[in-house]
Protein backbone atom coordinates (compact mmCIF):
# COMPACT_ATOMS: atom_id res chain seq x y z
CA MET A 1 -0.10 -0.13 -0.01
CA SER A 2 1.62 3.44 -0.95
CA ALA A 3 1.84 6.49 1.16
CA ASP A 4 -0.60 8.01 -1.41
CA ASN A 5 -3.35 6.03 0.52
CA ILE A 6 -2.40 7.48 3.98
CA MET A 7 -4.59 10.21 5.39
CA VAL A 8 -2.97 12.20 8.19
CA PHE A 9 -4.81 14.76 10.09
CA ALA A 10 -3.64 17.40 12.66
CA GLY A 11 -5.06 18.21 15.99
CA SER A 12 -4.52 21.80 17.19
CA GLY A 13 -1.99 20.45 19.79
CA SER A 14 0.42 19.09 17.13
CA LEU A 15 0.20 21.25 14.03
CA ARG A 16 3.84 21.57 13.47
CA LEU A 17 4.88 18.00 14.17
CA THR A 18 1.91 16.75 11.70
CA ASP A 19 3.60 18.93 9.11
CA ARG A 20 6.93 17.33 9.58
CA ILE A 21 5.48 13.82 9.68
CA CYS A 22 3.52 14.43 6.47
CA GLU A 23 6.84 15.75 4.86
CA TYR A 24 8.46 12.51 5.92
CA LEU A 25 5.70 10.46 4.30
CA GLN A 26 5.63 12.86 1.19
CA ILE A 27 1.95 13.48 1.47
CA ASN A 28 -0.18 16.68 2.38
CA PRO A 29 -1.77 16.91 5.79
CA GLY A 30 -5.59 16.19 5.69
CA LYS A 31 -8.01 19.08 5.49
CA ASN A 32 -9.83 19.80 8.90
CA GLN A 33 -10.73 22.68 11.21
CA ALA A 34 -11.03 23.22 15.00
CA LEU A 35 -12.87 26.04 16.54
CA LYS A 36 -13.12 27.32 20.08
CA PHE A 37 -16.31 29.23 20.85
CA SER A 38 -16.54 32.05 23.23
CA GLU A 39 -17.88 30.02 26.14
CA GLY A 40 -15.14 27.54 25.76
CA ASN A 41 -16.69 24.85 23.75
CA THR A 42 -14.74 23.07 21.18
CA PHE A 43 -16.05 22.29 17.54
CA VAL A 44 -14.26 20.14 15.00
CA ARG A 45 -15.06 19.62 11.45
CA ILE A 46 -13.31 17.27 8.64
CA LEU A 47 -13.27 19.07 5.36
CA GLU A 48 -12.63 16.16 3.03
CA ASN A 49 -14.05 12.59 2.37
CA VAL A 50 -12.81 9.81 4.58
CA ARG A 51 -15.30 7.19 4.13
CA GLY A 52 -13.75 3.73 4.14
CA ARG A 53 -10.35 5.30 4.73
CA ARG A 54 -7.91 4.54 7.39
CA VAL A 55 -7.09 7.70 8.95
CA TYR A 56 -4.22 8.98 11.47
CA LEU A 57 -5.03 11.71 13.91
CA ILE A 58 -1.97 13.43 15.55
CA GLN A 59 -2.83 15.38 18.75
CA SER A 60 -0.55 15.99 21.82
CA THR A 61 -2.62 16.46 24.93
CA VAL A 62 -0.95 19.38 26.80
CA PHE A 63 -1.19 23.12 26.66
CA PRO A 64 -4.08 23.32 27.35
CA THR A 65 -4.27 19.85 28.50
CA ASN A 66 -8.02 19.29 28.99
CA ASP A 67 -8.87 21.29 26.02
CA ASN A 68 -6.76 19.30 23.72
CA PHE A 69 -7.96 16.03 25.36
CA MET A 70 -11.49 16.81 24.66
CA GLU A 71 -10.58 17.91 21.08
CA LEU A 72 -8.99 14.44 20.71
CA LEU A 73 -12.10 12.70 21.59
CA PHE A 74 -14.28 14.87 19.36
CA TRP A 75 -12.02 14.13 16.47
CA ILE A 76 -12.19 10.38 16.90
CA ASP A 77 -15.87 10.66 17.14
CA ALA A 78 -16.05 12.75 14.00
CA PHE A 79 -14.07 10.36 11.93
CA LYS A 80 -15.92 7.47 12.97
CA ARG A 81 -19.25 9.21 12.20
CA ALA A 82 -17.82 10.18 8.66
CA SER A 83 -17.37 6.49 8.11
CA ALA A 84 -13.61 6.09 8.37
CA GLU A 85 -12.70 2.41 8.29
CA SER A 86 -10.27 3.06 11.17
CA VAL A 87 -9.02 5.86 13.46
CA THR A 88 -5.38 5.56 14.72
CA ALA A 89 -4.75 8.09 17.46
CA ILE A 90 -1.32 9.51 17.61
CA ILE A 91 -0.70 11.08 20.81
CA PRO A 92 2.92 12.18 21.13
CA TYR A 93 2.62 13.46 24.52
CA PHE A 94 -0.03 11.55 27.01
CA SER A 95 -0.10 14.22 29.63
CA TYR A 96 -2.38 12.15 32.08
CA GLY A 97 0.07 9.32 31.88
CA LYS A 98 1.55 10.57 35.36
CA GLY A 99 -1.84 9.49 36.90
CA ASP A 100 -1.05 5.78 36.30
CA LYS A 101 -1.77 4.25 39.71
CA LYS A 102 -3.80 4.92 43.02
CA ASP A 103 -0.88 5.34 45.49
CA GLU A 104 -3.08 7.01 48.18
CA PRO A 105 -6.64 6.72 49.12
CA ARG A 106 -9.61 8.35 47.35
CA VAL A 107 -7.76 9.47 44.24
CA SER A 108 -8.57 8.87 40.45
CA ILE A 109 -6.37 6.59 38.26
CA ARG A 110 -6.49 9.35 35.58
CA ALA A 111 -4.79 7.52 32.80
CA ARG A 112 -7.16 4.77 33.03
CA VAL A 113 -10.14 7.43 32.93
CA CYS A 114 -8.51 8.84 29.81
CA ALA A 115 -7.97 5.24 28.18
CA ASP A 116 -11.64 4.45 28.73
CA ALA A 117 -12.66 7.80 27.09
CA ILE A 118 -10.42 7.41 24.09
CA GLU A 119 -11.85 3.69 23.47
CA VAL A 120 -15.56 4.84 23.92
CA ALA A 121 -14.86 7.76 21.43
CA GLY A 122 -13.97 5.02 18.86
CA ALA A 123 -10.22 4.84 18.41
CA ASP A 124 -9.10 1.72 16.98
CA ARG A 125 -5.41 1.92 17.81
CA ILE A 126 -3.06 4.19 19.84
CA VAL A 127 0.54 5.35 19.00
CA THR A 128 2.52 7.38 21.52
CA ILE A 129 6.12 7.70 22.55
CA ASP A 130 7.92 7.33 26.00
CA LEU A 131 4.83 6.51 28.10
CA HIS A 132 5.50 7.56 31.59
CA ALA A 133 4.76 4.00 32.59
CA PRO A 134 4.67 1.15 30.23
CA GLN A 135 1.79 -0.68 32.16
CA ILE A 136 -0.55 2.09 30.74
CA GLN A 137 -0.81 0.20 27.69
CA GLY A 138 -2.71 -2.39 29.55
CA PHE A 139 -5.29 0.18 30.49
CA PHE A 140 -6.41 -0.06 26.88
CA ARG A 141 -8.11 -2.95 25.24
CA ILE A 142 -7.04 -1.82 22.00
CA PRO A 143 -3.48 -2.13 20.35
CA VAL A 144 -1.08 0.55 21.75
CA ASP A 145 2.24 1.00 20.11
CA ASN A 146 4.73 2.82 22.68
CA LEU A 147 7.75 4.48 20.62
CA TYR A 148 10.96 5.51 22.06
CA ALA A 149 12.81 8.62 21.63
CA LEU A 150 16.22 6.98 22.62
CA PRO A 151 17.60 6.50 19.28
CA VAL A 152 17.06 10.05 17.85
CA LEU A 153 18.22 11.57 21.03
CA CYS A 154 21.39 9.27 21.35
CA ASP A 155 22.19 9.91 17.63
CA ARG A 156 22.21 13.57 18.22
CA LEU A 157 24.24 13.38 21.39
CA ARG A 158 26.59 11.15 19.69
CA ALA A 159 27.18 13.59 16.89
CA LYS A 160 28.32 16.04 19.40
CA GLN A 161 31.43 13.82 20.06
CA LEU A 162 31.35 14.26 23.88
CA GLU A 163 34.34 12.37 25.72
CA ASN A 164 34.05 10.06 28.75
CA VAL A 165 30.27 9.95 28.81
CA ILE A 166 28.22 8.49 31.55
CA ILE A 167 24.30 8.16 31.78
CA VAL A 168 22.70 9.46 34.88
CA SER A 169 19.26 8.19 35.89
CA PRO A 170 17.35 10.99 37.94
CA ASP A 171 15.85 8.41 40.28
CA THR A 172 15.63 4.65 40.77
CA GLY A 173 12.32 4.51 38.85
CA PHE A 174 14.01 5.42 35.46
CA ALA A 175 17.07 3.24 36.01
CA LYS A 176 15.92 0.38 33.71
CA GLN A 177 15.34 2.63 30.93
CA ALA A 178 18.61 4.70 31.56
CA ARG A 179 20.40 1.33 31.13
CA LYS A 180 19.04 1.29 27.63
CA TYR A 181 20.38 4.72 26.87
CA ALA A 182 23.72 3.52 28.25
CA SER A 183 23.75 0.14 26.28
CA TYR A 184 22.86 2.22 22.92
CA LEU A 185 25.89 4.58 23.62
CA GLY A 186 28.15 1.99 24.84
CA THR A 187 28.69 3.43 28.60
CA SER A 188 27.48 2.86 32.06
CA VAL A 189 24.88 4.35 34.37
CA VAL A 190 24.83 6.22 37.85
CA ILE A 191 21.66 6.76 39.67
CA ALA A 192 20.40 9.86 41.65
CA ASP A 193 18.70 8.94 44.80
CA LYS A 194 15.61 11.39 44.90
CA GLU A 195 12.59 11.80 47.28
CA ARG A 196 9.39 13.25 46.44
CA VAL A 197 7.25 14.11 49.37
CA GLY A 198 4.10 15.84 47.85
CA HIS A 199 2.39 16.75 44.63
CA ASP A 200 4.19 20.03 43.99
CA GLU A 201 6.41 18.77 41.30
CA ASN A 202 9.33 19.27 43.70
CA ALA A 203 11.59 16.49 44.75
CA GLU A 204 14.94 16.56 46.82
CA VAL A 205 18.12 14.81 45.32
CA LEU A 206 19.69 13.06 48.38
CA GLU A 207 22.83 11.38 46.58
CA ILE A 208 24.51 10.21 43.48
CA ILE A 209 25.07 6.33 43.38
CA GLY A 210 28.08 5.92 41.30
CA ASP A 211 31.34 7.61 40.30
CA VAL A 212 31.05 10.65 37.91
CA LYS A 213 34.49 12.21 38.51
CA ASP A 214 35.98 13.74 35.29
CA LYS A 215 33.10 12.25 33.42
CA THR A 216 30.58 13.95 31.01
CA ALA A 217 27.38 13.26 32.72
CA VAL A 218 24.20 13.10 30.65
CA VAL A 219 20.96 13.02 32.70
CA VAL A 220 18.16 11.25 31.07
CA ASP A 221 14.44 11.22 31.70
CA ASP A 222 10.99 10.64 30.06
CA PHE A 223 9.86 14.33 30.72
CA THR A 224 10.60 17.54 32.74
CA ILE A 225 7.94 19.99 33.76
CA SER A 226 9.49 22.55 36.30
CA GLY A 227 13.20 21.71 35.44
CA GLY A 228 13.75 21.33 39.12
CA THR A 229 15.10 17.59 39.04
CA LEU A 230 17.36 18.27 36.19
CA ALA A 231 18.92 21.36 37.72
CA ASP A 232 19.18 19.69 41.14
CA VAL A 233 20.80 16.43 39.80
CA SER A 234 23.37 18.63 37.63
CA VAL A 235 24.27 20.54 40.85
CA LYS A 236 24.99 17.25 42.63
CA LEU A 237 26.95 15.89 39.58
CA VAL A 238 29.34 18.92 39.52
CA GLU A 239 29.74 18.66 43.42
CA ARG A 240 30.69 14.90 42.91
CA GLY A 241 33.29 15.88 40.24
CA ALA A 242 31.42 15.70 36.81
CA LYS A 243 33.34 17.57 34.10
CA GLN A 244 30.29 18.61 32.22
CA VAL A 245 26.51 18.13 32.51
CA TYR A 246 24.23 17.41 29.48
CA ALA A 247 20.62 16.37 29.61
CA MET A 248 18.25 14.55 27.28
CA VAL A 249 14.48 14.17 27.88
CA ALA A 250 11.69 12.83 25.61
CA HIS A 251 9.14 15.48 26.39
CA GLY A 252 9.89 19.11 27.39
CA VAL A 253 6.81 19.94 28.99
CA PHE A 254 8.30 23.45 30.30
CA THR A 255 6.10 25.60 32.69
CA GLU A 256 6.62 29.27 34.14
CA GLY A 257 10.17 29.29 35.69
CA SER A 258 11.53 26.11 34.26
CA ILE A 259 13.70 27.65 31.74
CA GLU A 260 15.20 29.95 34.33
CA ARG A 261 16.04 27.01 36.46
CA ILE A 262 17.88 25.14 33.61
CA ASP A 263 19.71 28.40 32.55
CA ALA A 264 20.87 28.89 36.08
CA SER A 265 21.96 25.30 36.42
CA PRO A 266 25.31 23.84 35.28
CA ILE A 267 23.39 21.89 32.39
CA GLU A 268 25.34 22.89 29.28
CA GLN A 269 22.71 21.71 26.81
CA LEU A 270 19.29 20.05 27.13
CA LEU A 271 18.10 17.85 24.16
CA ILE A 272 14.28 17.41 23.88
CA THR A 273 11.91 16.30 21.09
CA ASP A 274 9.08 18.07 19.42
CA THR A 275 6.32 16.08 21.06
CA VAL A 276 5.29 19.22 22.75
CA GLU A 277 4.98 22.48 20.84
CA ASN A 278 2.55 24.87 22.46
CA HIS A 279 4.84 25.97 25.24
CA PRO A 280 3.73 28.93 27.46
CA VAL A 281 7.44 29.79 27.89
CA GLN A 282 10.30 30.89 25.45
CA LEU A 283 12.79 28.06 25.13
CA SER A 284 16.48 29.33 25.57
CA ASP A 285 19.58 28.71 23.67
CA ARG A 286 20.62 25.79 26.02
CA ILE A 287 17.71 23.77 24.64
CA GLU A 288 17.92 21.86 21.47
CA VAL A 289 14.71 20.26 19.78
CA VAL A 290 15.21 17.01 17.96
CA SER A 291 12.52 15.94 15.68
CA VAL A 292 10.57 12.38 16.40
CA ALA A 293 8.56 13.08 13.13
CA PRO A 294 10.66 10.35 11.16
CA LEU A 295 9.81 7.78 14.04
CA PHE A 296 6.04 8.60 13.93
CA GLY A 297 6.04 8.70 10.09
CA GLU A 298 7.72 5.48 9.80
CA ALA A 299 5.25 3.91 12.37
CA ILE A 300 2.40 5.32 10.49
CA LYS A 301 3.83 3.62 7.18
CA ARG A 302 4.50 0.28 8.97
CA ILE A 303 0.92 0.28 10.62
CA HIS A 304 -0.60 1.28 7.23
CA ASN A 305 1.44 -1.56 5.36
CA ARG A 306 0.80 -4.22 8.39
CA GLU A 307 4.45 -4.41 9.12
CA SER A 308 6.40 -4.84 12.42
CA ILE A 309 6.66 -1.66 14.65
CA SER A 310 9.12 -3.42 17.10
CA ALA A 311 11.63 -4.00 14.24
CA MET A 312 12.14 -0.22 14.41
CA PHE A 313 13.82 -0.59 17.80
CA PRO A 314 16.13 -3.73 17.68
CA GLU A 315 17.41 -4.81 21.09
């Protein structure tokens, strides 16, 4: 099946990423329109025929989170009501992925609620990248493809030809994924011991487990919001003798004050991807954006041609 038959549409949370994905696929984006009424309601409209077609909708659910999530549901419903054969929801950043467990009494498992809503709206498949917790795939009863930004981030880092690199996990929870970064780059891992007390997005870095003296330390994580953990870990690394500090995260979800924290930290450069694009803050020169459009484009092509996705990420 040729790329000419692929129909890719943008939600308002991923307009630029959609353009890049369509450029990779050498197709034009589908024609559609999203409107916001004065009282806050969202209205979506497909502007071309999708009857019997397999369509791919790209929508990151952040900035604004709830508006973009509701828009995602409305797009899925609109495509199904327009008689699309199937709807694959490409969610570059699944913002409620952080709500993946009931870790205290009387709280919602928000990721599960969102998964149920996406299914009820009519999605046939989900494609995302670097889910906060892989078990979120089990919240869905439809296929979920969880891609990894690791190869594009590591290839960009490798091009910088840094010396004596060591990978740093910002906490014990990310250690397993950090080892994959280290394996890809042919180096080793150290771990920051971090404690999070409340829900205020602040955590205290207690200690660095491992030797970083005279090394180029590269902190890796799935996302950053406040920039606090990256900044705190980088200070600890320099205190422990690291020569340079870099950082790589899949999702740069920057809020007010985050850029200032990173710029004031010892981090020389932070690599992020373009899964989030409607930032409420201006990115600084220390932040470099690496596109994951080729990953999503290749995934769409493989899904469309019924080929393996896992083959994109050989062990």
